[in-house]
Amino acid sequence: MAIKTIINFLFLFFFLTPVFNLQAQFESPYQCTKKKDAIIYTIGSAGLGLGYYLHTKAPVLNVEQVQLLDKNSINRFDRIATSYSSMTAKKASDVFFYTALAMPSLFAFSKKMRKDAKSISLIYGETLFLTVGVTAITKKTVLRNRPFVYNSDFDISLKLDKNARFSFFSGHASVVAASSFFTAKVFADYHPDSKWKPIVWGAAATIPAITGYLRVRAGKHFPTDVITGYAVGSVIGILVPQIHKIKNRNENIELSLNPTGGYFSLRF
């Protein structure tokens, strides 16, 4: 994952988007409040900070350790990734990655959503903060070797780089899933009766799946890396907008945050 690009993108949101009192002049499905948004941004920022700290402390492999690695020690499901080394797949996955980041810009075509751009931007920033924070902490804690470390087609210099140990879980998959599902969730909340909803949700599910496949083909991640990244990103992409959604008596899901914690409940 291009972590520096993501961090720059996140801080752009943070500094250019007013955080408080974001009220559109129409009935928005979302409500942004000082307490709620401050908590989410604080959690996301703490995650990014801890992830960076763990990155500086992460050990690298040496030549002897690389030579002793045996791909047969990897579970059968993941082992296939050690045979892949497609540079084309890597470049394609990057295209999907950056395209997904810009997907919410499509909201500009909706007059209703343009009027609520500040709130949407704020919530999207929170979504990315949380996704990247969780991803970074996990990568630097688990320290799973990437598939290419087991592949003789790759140069030893890549295997000795610190990034070679950040396989689990896939940042490409988590960020693309978060952005894709965020886009679908927000579109559905602003246009609940739209005939485009099935197509939008279908695209949201497909784009991160393709990205994950490409990361495996590139030798950058194991299948379990991209599956986990897909799951984490999709949950955050849906959950963060839902936290901000204005309560409706017909809603079956209620989410709340407060300084001492939060709760989740289903109402039938």
C-alpha atoms as a PDB file:
ATOM      1  CA  MET A   1       0.000   0.000   0.000  1.00  0.00           C
ATOM      2  CA  ALA A   2       1.285   3.479  -0.876  1.00  0.00           C
ATOM      3  CA  ILE A   3       1.122   4.602   2.745  1.00  0.00           C
ATOM      4  CA  LYS A   4       2.641   8.061   2.145  1.00  0.00           C
ATOM      5  CA  THR A   5       0.059   8.840  -0.518  1.00  0.00           C
ATOM      6  CA  ILE A   6      -2.764   7.741   1.761  1.00  0.00           C
ATOM      7  CA  ILE A   7      -1.483   9.813   4.676  1.00  0.00           C
ATOM      8  CA  ASN A   8      -1.224  12.912   2.458  1.00  0.00           C
ATOM      9  CA  PHE A   9      -4.738  12.235   1.195  1.00  0.00           C
ATOM     10  CA  LEU A  10      -6.057  11.881   4.751  1.00  0.00           C
ATOM     11  CA  PHE A  11      -4.492  15.086   6.012  1.00  0.00           C
ATOM     12  CA  LEU A  12      -5.869  16.925   2.998  1.00  0.00           C
ATOM     13  CA  PHE A  13      -9.334  15.908   4.178  1.00  0.00           C
ATOM     14  CA  PHE A  14      -8.531  16.783   7.774  1.00  0.00           C
ATOM     15  CA  PHE A  15      -7.302  20.301   7.136  1.00  0.00           C
ATOM     16  CA  LEU A  16      -9.550  21.339   4.266  1.00  0.00           C
ATOM     17  CA  THR A  17     -12.834  20.015   5.656  1.00  0.00           C
ATOM     18  CA  PRO A  18     -14.488  21.926   8.516  1.00  0.00           C
ATOM     19  CA  VAL A  19     -14.996  19.384  11.273  1.00  0.00           C
ATOM     20  CA  PHE A  20     -17.890  20.850  13.175  1.00  0.00           C
ATOM     21  CA  ASN A  21     -21.348  22.291  12.488  1.00  0.00           C
ATOM     22  CA  LEU A  22     -21.699  20.802   9.017  1.00  0.00           C
ATOM     23  CA  GLN A  23     -25.356  21.327   8.228  1.00  0.00           C
ATOM     24  CA  ALA A  24     -26.633  21.263   4.673  1.00  0.00           C
ATOM     25  CA  GLN A  25     -29.689  23.297   3.699  1.00  0.00           C
ATOM     26  CA  PHE A  26     -31.841  20.252   3.061  1.00  0.00           C
ATOM     27  CA  GLU A  27     -32.746  17.070   4.910  1.00  0.00           C
ATOM     28  CA  SER A  28     -29.466  15.220   4.981  1.00  0.00           C
ATOM     29  CA  PRO A  29     -29.413  11.543   6.013  1.00  0.00           C
ATOM     30  CA  TYR A  30     -26.299  12.233   8.108  1.00  0.00           C
ATOM     31  CA  GLN A  31     -25.499  14.285  11.163  1.00  0.00           C
ATOM     32  CA  CYS A  32     -21.942  15.324  12.025  1.00  0.00           C
ATOM     33  CA  THR A  33     -21.338  16.365  15.631  1.00  0.00           C
ATOM     34  CA  LYS A  34     -18.311  17.712  17.477  1.00  0.00           C
ATOM     35  CA  LYS A  35     -18.077  14.852  19.962  1.00  0.00           C
ATOM     36  CA  LYS A  36     -18.637  11.988  17.548  1.00  0.00           C
ATOM     37  CA  ASP A  37     -16.289  13.219  14.846  1.00  0.00           C
ATOM     38  CA  ALA A  38     -13.566  14.191  17.294  1.00  0.00           C
ATOM     39  CA  ILE A  39     -13.615  10.673  18.754  1.00  0.00           C
ATOM     40  CA  ILE A  40     -13.422   8.988  15.350  1.00  0.00           C
ATOM     41  CA  TYR A  41     -10.620  11.227  14.104  1.00  0.00           C
ATOM     42  CA  THR A  42      -8.722  10.750  17.362  1.00  0.00           C
ATOM     43  CA  ILE A  43      -8.978   6.963  17.079  1.00  0.00           C
ATOM     44  CA  GLY A  44      -7.902   7.057  13.437  1.00  0.00           C
ATOM     45  CA  SER A  45      -5.014   9.413  14.131  1.00  0.00           C
ATOM     46  CA  ALA A  46      -3.846   7.281  17.051  1.00  0.00           C
ATOM     47  CA  GLY A  47      -3.921   4.238  14.775  1.00  0.00           C
ATOM     48  CA  LEU A  48      -1.810   5.991  12.161  1.00  0.00           C
ATOM     49  CA  GLY A  49       0.652   7.166  14.801  1.00  0.00           C
ATOM     50  CA  LEU A  50       0.997   3.726  16.365  1.00  0.00           C
ATOM     51  CA  GLY A  51       1.334   2.157  12.936  1.00  0.00           C
ATOM     52  CA  TYR A  52       4.167   4.521  12.071  1.00  0.00           C
ATOM     53  CA  TYR A  53       5.924   3.814  15.375  1.00  0.00           C
ATOM     54  CA  LEU A  54       5.659   0.057  14.843  1.00  0.00           C
ATOM     55  CA  HIS A  55       6.998   0.535  11.329  1.00  0.00           C
ATOM     56  CA  THR A  56      10.180   2.127  12.673  1.00  0.00           C
ATOM     57  CA  LYS A  57      10.672  -0.800  15.045  1.00  0.00           C
ATOM     58  CA  ALA A  58       9.892  -3.595  12.582  1.00  0.00           C
ATOM     59  CA  PRO A  59      12.887  -5.915  11.978  1.00  0.00           C
ATOM     60  CA  VAL A  60      14.043  -6.837   8.478  1.00  0.00           C
ATOM     61  CA  LEU A  61      15.069 -10.233   7.182  1.00  0.00           C
ATOM     62  CA  ASN A  62      18.709 -11.052   6.553  1.00  0.00           C
ATOM     63  CA  VAL A  63      20.098 -13.161   3.714  1.00  0.00           C
ATOM     64  CA  GLU A  64      20.419 -16.274   5.858  1.00  0.00           C
ATOM     65  CA  GLN A  65      16.815 -16.062   7.032  1.00  0.00           C
ATOM     66  CA  VAL A  66      15.590 -15.675   3.459  1.00  0.00           C
ATOM     67  CA  GLN A  67      17.572 -18.700   2.332  1.00  0.00           C
ATOM     68  CA  LEU A  68      16.066 -20.833   5.082  1.00  0.00           C
ATOM     69  CA  LEU A  69      12.479 -20.004   4.151  1.00  0.00           C
ATOM     70  CA  ASP A  70      10.466 -22.901   2.740  1.00  0.00           C
ATOM     71  CA  LYS A  71       7.247 -22.230   0.837  1.00  0.00           C
ATOM     72  CA  ASN A  72       6.012 -25.712   1.770  1.00  0.00           C
ATOM     73  CA  SER A  73       5.608 -24.417   5.320  1.00  0.00           C
ATOM     74  CA  ILE A  74       2.800 -22.167   4.072  1.00  0.00           C
ATOM     75  CA  ASN A  75      -0.736 -23.517   4.156  1.00  0.00           C
ATOM     76  CA  ARG A  76      -1.916 -25.056   0.889  1.00  0.00           C
ATOM     77  CA  PHE A  77      -4.539 -22.386   0.256  1.00  0.00           C
ATOM     78  CA  ASP A  78      -2.017 -19.521   0.385  1.00  0.00           C
ATOM     79  CA  ARG A  79       0.959 -21.304  -1.136  1.00  0.00           C
ATOM     80  CA  ILE A  80      -0.103 -20.589  -4.718  1.00  0.00           C
ATOM     81  CA  ALA A  81       0.790 -16.906  -4.278  1.00  0.00           C
ATOM     82  CA  THR A  82       4.500 -17.765  -3.997  1.00  0.00           C
ATOM     83  CA  SER A  83       4.488 -18.736  -7.695  1.00  0.00           C
ATOM     84  CA  TYR A  84       3.232 -15.382  -8.979  1.00  0.00           C
ATOM     85  CA  SER A  85       5.308 -12.383 -10.034  1.00  0.00           C
ATOM     86  CA  SER A  86       3.243 -10.373 -12.510  1.00  0.00           C
ATOM     87  CA  MET A  87       4.406  -6.769 -12.819  1.00  0.00           C
ATOM     88  CA  THR A  88       1.372  -6.062 -14.993  1.00  0.00           C
ATOM     89  CA  ALA A  89      -0.910  -7.184 -12.163  1.00  0.00           C
ATOM     90  CA  LYS A  90       0.947  -4.944  -9.722  1.00  0.00           C
ATOM     91  CA  LYS A  91       0.550  -1.889 -11.944  1.00  0.00           C
ATOM     92  CA  ALA A  92      -3.119  -2.705 -12.546  1.00  0.00           C
ATOM     93  CA  SER A  93      -3.757  -3.050  -8.806  1.00  0.00           C
ATOM     94  CA  ASP A  94      -2.279   0.422  -8.287  1.00  0.00           C
ATOM     95  CA  VAL A  95      -4.657   1.804 -10.905  1.00  0.00           C
ATOM     96  CA  PHE A  96      -7.618   0.281  -9.053  1.00  0.00           C
ATOM     97  CA  PHE A  97      -6.228   1.619  -5.778  1.00  0.00           C
ATOM     98  CA  TYR A  98      -6.000   5.264  -6.855  1.00  0.00           C
ATOM     99  CA  THR A  99      -9.220   5.079  -8.841  1.00  0.00           C
ATOM    100  CA  ALA A 100     -11.081   3.780  -5.789  1.00  0.00           C
ATOM    101  CA  LEU A 101      -9.784   6.649  -3.666  1.00  0.00           C
ATOM    102  CA  ALA A 102     -11.413   9.089  -6.086  1.00  0.00           C
ATOM    103  CA  MET A 103     -14.726   7.211  -6.388  1.00  0.00           C
ATOM    104  CA  PRO A 104     -16.663   9.508  -4.016  1.00  0.00           C
ATOM    105  CA  SER A 105     -15.964  12.375  -6.427  1.00  0.00           C
ATOM    106  CA  LEU A 106     -18.745  10.854  -8.537  1.00  0.00           C
ATOM    107  CA  PHE A 107     -21.153  12.291  -5.973  1.00  0.00           C
ATOM    108  CA  ALA A 108     -20.605  15.645  -7.690  1.00  0.00           C
ATOM    109  CA  PHE A 109     -23.092  14.488 -10.346  1.00  0.00           C
ATOM    110  CA  SER A 110     -25.866  14.468  -7.734  1.00  0.00           C
ATOM    111  CA  LYS A 111     -27.260  17.893  -6.851  1.00  0.00           C
ATOM    112  CA  LYS A 112     -28.484  16.620  -3.500  1.00  0.00           C
ATOM    113  CA  MET A 113     -25.074  15.209  -2.571  1.00  0.00           C
ATOM    114  CA  ARG A 114     -23.181  18.284  -3.782  1.00  0.00           C
ATOM    115  CA  LYS A 115     -25.105  20.329  -1.249  1.00  0.00           C
ATOM    116  CA  ASP A 116     -23.899  18.007   1.493  1.00  0.00           C
ATOM    117  CA  ALA A 117     -20.316  17.743   0.244  1.00  0.00           C
ATOM    118  CA  LYS A 118     -18.758  18.914   3.519  1.00  0.00           C
ATOM    119  CA  SER A 119     -20.449  16.218   5.587  1.00  0.00           C
ATOM    120  CA  ILE A 120     -19.667  13.503   3.034  1.00  0.00           C
ATOM    121  CA  SER A 121     -16.029  14.597   2.847  1.00  0.00           C
ATOM    122  CA  LEU A 122     -15.700  14.542   6.617  1.00  0.00           C
ATOM    123  CA  ILE A 123     -17.195  11.063   6.907  1.00  0.00           C
ATOM    124  CA  TYR A 124     -15.047   9.772   4.055  1.00  0.00           C
ATOM    125  CA  GLY A 125     -11.947  11.143   5.758  1.00  0.00           C
ATOM    126  CA  GLU A 126     -12.903   9.276   8.931  1.00  0.00           C
ATOM    127  CA  THR A 127     -13.426   6.103   6.943  1.00  0.00           C
ATOM    128  CA  LEU A 128      -9.946   6.293   5.451  1.00  0.00           C
ATOM    129  CA  PHE A 129      -8.324   7.259   8.748  1.00  0.00           C
ATOM    130  CA  LEU A 130      -9.763   4.198  10.485  1.00  0.00           C
ATOM    131  CA  THR A 131      -9.042   1.832   7.600  1.00  0.00           C
ATOM    132  CA  VAL A 132      -5.417   2.859   7.178  1.00  0.00           C
ATOM    133  CA  GLY A 133      -4.859   2.939  10.937  1.00  0.00           C
ATOM    134  CA  VAL A 134      -6.183  -0.577  11.502  1.00  0.00           C
ATOM    135  CA  THR A 135      -4.299  -1.867   8.463  1.00  0.00           C
ATOM    136  CA  ALA A 136      -1.009  -0.273   9.492  1.00  0.00           C
ATOM    137  CA  ILE A 137      -1.146  -1.566  13.073  1.00  0.00           C
ATOM    138  CA  THR A 138      -1.971  -5.091  11.929  1.00  0.00           C
ATOM    139  CA  LYS A 139       0.765  -5.188   9.282  1.00  0.00           C
ATOM    140  CA  LYS A 140       3.456  -4.009  11.677  1.00  0.00           C
ATOM    141  CA  THR A 141       2.311  -6.335  14.456  1.00  0.00           C
ATOM    142  CA  VAL A 142       1.867  -9.565  12.496  1.00  0.00           C
ATOM    143  CA  LEU A 143       5.031  -9.150  10.337  1.00  0.00           C
ATOM    144  CA  ARG A 144       4.042 -11.796   7.808  1.00  0.00           C
ATOM    145  CA  ASN A 145       6.489 -12.263   4.933  1.00  0.00           C
ATOM    146  CA  ARG A 146       5.094 -11.416   1.523  1.00  0.00           C
ATOM    147  CA  PRO A 147       4.795 -14.235  -1.054  1.00  0.00           C
ATOM    148  CA  PHE A 148       7.610 -12.859  -3.200  1.00  0.00           C
ATOM    149  CA  VAL A 149      10.068 -13.516  -0.364  1.00  0.00           C
ATOM    150  CA  TYR A 150       9.672 -17.226  -1.201  1.00  0.00           C
ATOM    151  CA  ASN A 151       9.940 -16.660  -4.961  1.00  0.00           C
ATOM    152  CA  SER A 152      13.320 -16.913  -6.696  1.00  0.00           C
ATOM    153  CA  ASP A 153      12.093 -14.628  -9.501  1.00  0.00           C
ATOM    154  CA  PHE A 154      12.435 -11.619  -7.195  1.00  0.00           C
ATOM    155  CA  ASP A 155      15.672  -9.841  -6.431  1.00  0.00           C
ATOM    156  CA  ILE A 156      17.159 -10.356  -2.978  1.00  0.00           C
ATOM    157  CA  SER A 157      17.182  -6.596  -2.342  1.00  0.00           C
ATOM    158  CA  LEU A 158      13.369  -6.590  -2.321  1.00  0.00           C
ATOM    159  CA  LYS A 159      13.309  -9.457   0.149  1.00  0.00           C
ATOM    160  CA  LEU A 160      15.633  -7.619   2.535  1.00  0.00           C
ATOM    161  CA  ASP A 161      13.477  -4.489   2.480  1.00  0.00           C
ATOM    162  CA  LYS A 162      11.282  -3.807   5.517  1.00  0.00           C
ATOM    163  CA  ASN A 163       8.185  -3.716   3.325  1.00  0.00           C
ATOM    164  CA  ALA A 164       8.700  -7.420   2.536  1.00  0.00           C
ATOM    165  CA  ARG A 165       7.354  -8.242   6.007  1.00  0.00           C
ATOM    166  CA  PHE A 166       4.027  -6.391   5.742  1.00  0.00           C
ATOM    167  CA  SER A 167       1.872  -8.945   3.953  1.00  0.00           C
ATOM    168  CA  PHE A 168      -1.022  -9.314   6.401  1.00  0.00           C
ATOM    169  CA  PHE A 169      -3.363  -7.867   5.620  1.00  0.00           C
ATOM    170  CA  SER A 170      -3.579  -6.210   2.229  1.00  0.00           C
ATOM    171  CA  GLY A 171      -3.744  -2.424   2.360  1.00  0.00           C
ATOM    172  CA  HIS A 172      -4.790  -2.246  -1.268  1.00  0.00           C
ATOM    173  CA  ALA A 173      -7.727  -4.547  -0.557  1.00  0.00           C
ATOM    174  CA  SER A 174      -8.787  -2.802   2.661  1.00  0.00           C
ATOM    175  CA  VAL A 175      -8.605   0.753   1.286  1.00  0.00           C
ATOM    176  CA  VAL A 176     -10.293  -0.107  -2.013  1.00  0.00           C
ATOM    177  CA  ALA A 177     -13.037  -2.024  -0.181  1.00  0.00           C
ATOM    178  CA  ALA A 178     -13.556   0.817   2.303  1.00  0.00           C
ATOM    179  CA  SER A 179     -13.819   3.408  -0.461  1.00  0.00           C
ATOM    180  CA  SER A 180     -16.031   1.232  -2.679  1.00  0.00           C
ATOM    181  CA  PHE A 181     -18.474   0.238   0.049  1.00  0.00           C
ATOM    182  CA  PHE A 182     -18.476   3.776   1.451  1.00  0.00           C
ATOM    183  CA  THR A 183     -19.479   5.042  -1.987  1.00  0.00           C
ATOM    184  CA  ALA A 184     -22.274   2.489  -2.309  1.00  0.00           C
ATOM    185  CA  LYS A 185     -23.547   3.032   1.241  1.00  0.00           C
ATOM    186  CA  VAL A 186     -23.638   6.825   0.935  1.00  0.00           C
ATOM    187  CA  PHE A 187     -25.259   6.699  -2.502  1.00  0.00           C
ATOM    188  CA  ALA A 188     -27.941   4.350  -1.159  1.00  0.00           C
ATOM    189  CA  ASP A 189     -28.627   6.599   1.838  1.00  0.00           C
ATOM    190  CA  TYR A 190     -29.085   9.696  -0.328  1.00  0.00           C
ATOM    191  CA  HIS A 191     -30.997   7.867  -3.072  1.00  0.00           C
ATOM    192  CA  PRO A 192     -32.911   5.051  -1.311  1.00  0.00           C
ATOM    193  CA  ASP A 193     -35.290   4.554  -4.232  1.00  0.00           C
ATOM    194  CA  SER A 194     -32.740   4.687  -7.038  1.00  0.00           C
ATOM    195  CA  LYS A 195     -32.823   1.940  -9.658  1.00  0.00           C
ATOM    196  CA  TRP A 196     -29.017   2.184  -9.767  1.00  0.00           C
ATOM    197  CA  LYS A 197     -28.547   0.771  -6.278  1.00  0.00           C
ATOM    198  CA  PRO A 198     -28.009  -2.878  -7.351  1.00  0.00           C
ATOM    199  CA  ILE A 199     -25.394  -1.778  -9.898  1.00  0.00           C
ATOM    200  CA  VAL A 200     -23.621   0.466  -7.392  1.00  0.00           C
ATOM    201  CA  TRP A 201     -23.528  -2.259  -4.731  1.00  0.00           C
ATOM    202  CA  GLY A 202     -22.403  -4.789  -7.329  1.00  0.00           C
ATOM    203  CA  ALA A 203     -19.536  -2.527  -8.380  1.00  0.00           C
ATOM    204  CA  ALA A 204     -18.621  -1.956  -4.731  1.00  0.00           C
ATOM    205  CA  ALA A 205     -18.297  -5.692  -4.192  1.00  0.00           C
ATOM    206  CA  THR A 206     -16.458  -6.377  -7.444  1.00  0.00           C
ATOM    207  CA  ILE A 207     -13.780  -3.664  -7.526  1.00  0.00           C
ATOM    208  CA  PRO A 208     -11.955  -4.671  -4.308  1.00  0.00           C
ATOM    209  CA  ALA A 209     -12.251  -8.344  -5.277  1.00  0.00           C
ATOM    210  CA  ILE A 210     -10.445  -7.651  -8.563  1.00  0.00           C
ATOM    211  CA  THR A 211      -7.864  -5.566  -6.727  1.00  0.00           C
ATOM    212  CA  GLY A 212      -7.233  -8.402  -4.291  1.00  0.00           C
ATOM    213  CA  TYR A 213      -6.832 -10.898  -7.119  1.00  0.00           C
ATOM    214  CA  LEU A 214      -4.295  -8.641  -8.809  1.00  0.00           C
ATOM    215  CA  ARG A 215      -2.294  -8.307  -5.588  1.00  0.00           C
ATOM    216  CA  VAL A 216      -2.076 -12.091  -5.351  1.00  0.00           C
ATOM    217  CA  ARG A 217      -1.025 -12.395  -8.995  1.00  0.00           C
ATOM    218  CA  ALA A 218       1.650  -9.770  -8.375  1.00  0.00           C
ATOM    219  CA  GLY A 219       3.154 -11.888  -5.596  1.00  0.00           C
ATOM    220  CA  LYS A 220       2.483  -9.117  -3.085  1.00  0.00           C
ATOM    221  CA  HIS A 221      -0.122 -10.876  -0.966  1.00  0.00           C
ATOM    222  CA  PHE A 222      -1.514 -14.264  -0.031  1.00  0.00           C
ATOM    223  CA  PRO A 223      -5.212 -14.987  -0.634  1.00  0.00           C
ATOM    224  CA  THR A 224      -5.943 -14.752   3.101  1.00  0.00           C
ATOM    225  CA  ASP A 225      -4.323 -11.300   3.125  1.00  0.00           C
ATOM    226  CA  VAL A 226      -6.689  -9.909   0.532  1.00  0.00           C
ATOM    227  CA  ILE A 227      -9.756 -11.691   1.924  1.00  0.00           C
ATOM    228  CA  THR A 228      -9.109 -10.192   5.348  1.00  0.00           C
ATOM    229  CA  GLY A 229      -8.399  -6.761   3.865  1.00  0.00           C
ATOM    230  CA  TYR A 230     -11.622  -6.955   1.864  1.00  0.00           C
ATOM    231  CA  ALA A 231     -13.618  -7.841   4.988  1.00  0.00           C
ATOM    232  CA  VAL A 232     -12.094  -5.132   7.186  1.00  0.00           C
ATOM    233  CA  GLY A 233     -12.424  -2.410   4.560  1.00  0.00           C
ATOM    234  CA  SER A 234     -16.013  -3.252   3.657  1.00  0.00           C
ATOM    235  CA  VAL A 235     -17.113  -3.248   7.306  1.00  0.00           C
ATOM    236  CA  ILE A 236     -15.508   0.140   7.992  1.00  0.00           C
ATOM    237  CA  GLY A 237     -16.803   1.578   4.717  1.00  0.00           C
ATOM    238  CA  ILE A 238     -20.372   0.769   5.745  1.00  0.00           C
ATOM    239  CA  LEU A 239     -20.057   1.269   9.494  1.00  0.00           C
ATOM    240  CA  VAL A 240     -18.703   4.834   9.564  1.00  0.00           C
ATOM    241  CA  PRO A 241     -21.535   6.353   7.459  1.00  0.00           C
ATOM    242  CA  GLN A 242     -24.050   4.334   9.491  1.00  0.00           C
ATOM    243  CA  ILE A 243     -22.702   5.815  12.731  1.00  0.00           C
ATOM    244  CA  HIS A 244     -23.528   9.263  11.359  1.00  0.00           C
ATOM    245  CA  LYS A 245     -26.929   8.384  10.004  1.00  0.00           C
ATOM    246  CA  ILE A 246     -29.843  10.229  11.519  1.00  0.00           C
ATOM    247  CA  LYS A 247     -32.094   7.857  13.421  1.00  0.00           C
ATOM    248  CA  ASN A 248     -35.197   6.694  11.647  1.00  0.00           C
ATOM    249  CA  ARG A 249     -37.859   4.688  13.393  1.00  0.00           C
ATOM    250  CA  ASN A 250     -37.877   2.282  10.465  1.00  0.00           C
ATOM    251  CA  GLU A 251     -34.157   1.590  10.826  1.00  0.00           C
ATOM    252  CA  ASN A 252     -33.195  -1.740  12.350  1.00  0.00           C
ATOM    253  CA  ILE A 253     -29.609  -0.784  13.169  1.00  0.00           C
ATOM    254  CA  GLU A 254     -28.531   1.675  15.817  1.00  0.00           C
ATOM    255  CA  LEU A 255     -24.926   2.665  16.464  1.00  0.00           C
ATOM    256  CA  SER A 256     -23.589   5.096  19.017  1.00  0.00           C
ATOM    257  CA  LEU A 257     -20.236   6.454  20.157  1.00  0.00           C
ATOM    258  CA  ASN A 258     -19.416   8.218  23.400  1.00  0.00           C
ATOM    259  CA  PRO A 259     -16.181   9.116  25.223  1.00  0.00           C
ATOM    260  CA  THR A 260     -16.272   5.923  27.298  1.00  0.00           C
ATOM    261  CA  GLY A 261     -17.086   3.519  24.501  1.00  0.00           C
ATOM    262  CA  GLY A 262     -19.906   2.633  22.162  1.00  0.00           C
ATOM    263  CA  TYR A 263     -22.716   0.225  21.581  1.00  0.00           C
ATOM    264  CA  PHE A 264     -24.344  -1.641  18.741  1.00  0.00           C
ATOM    265  CA  SER A 265     -27.928  -2.843  18.775  1.00  0.00           C
ATOM    266  CA  LEU A 266     -30.533  -4.362  16.499  1.00  0.00           C
ATOM    267  CA  ARG A 267     -34.165  -3.382  16.822  1.00  0.00           C
ATOM    268  CA  PHE A 268     -37.003  -5.421  15.348  1.00  0.00           C
END
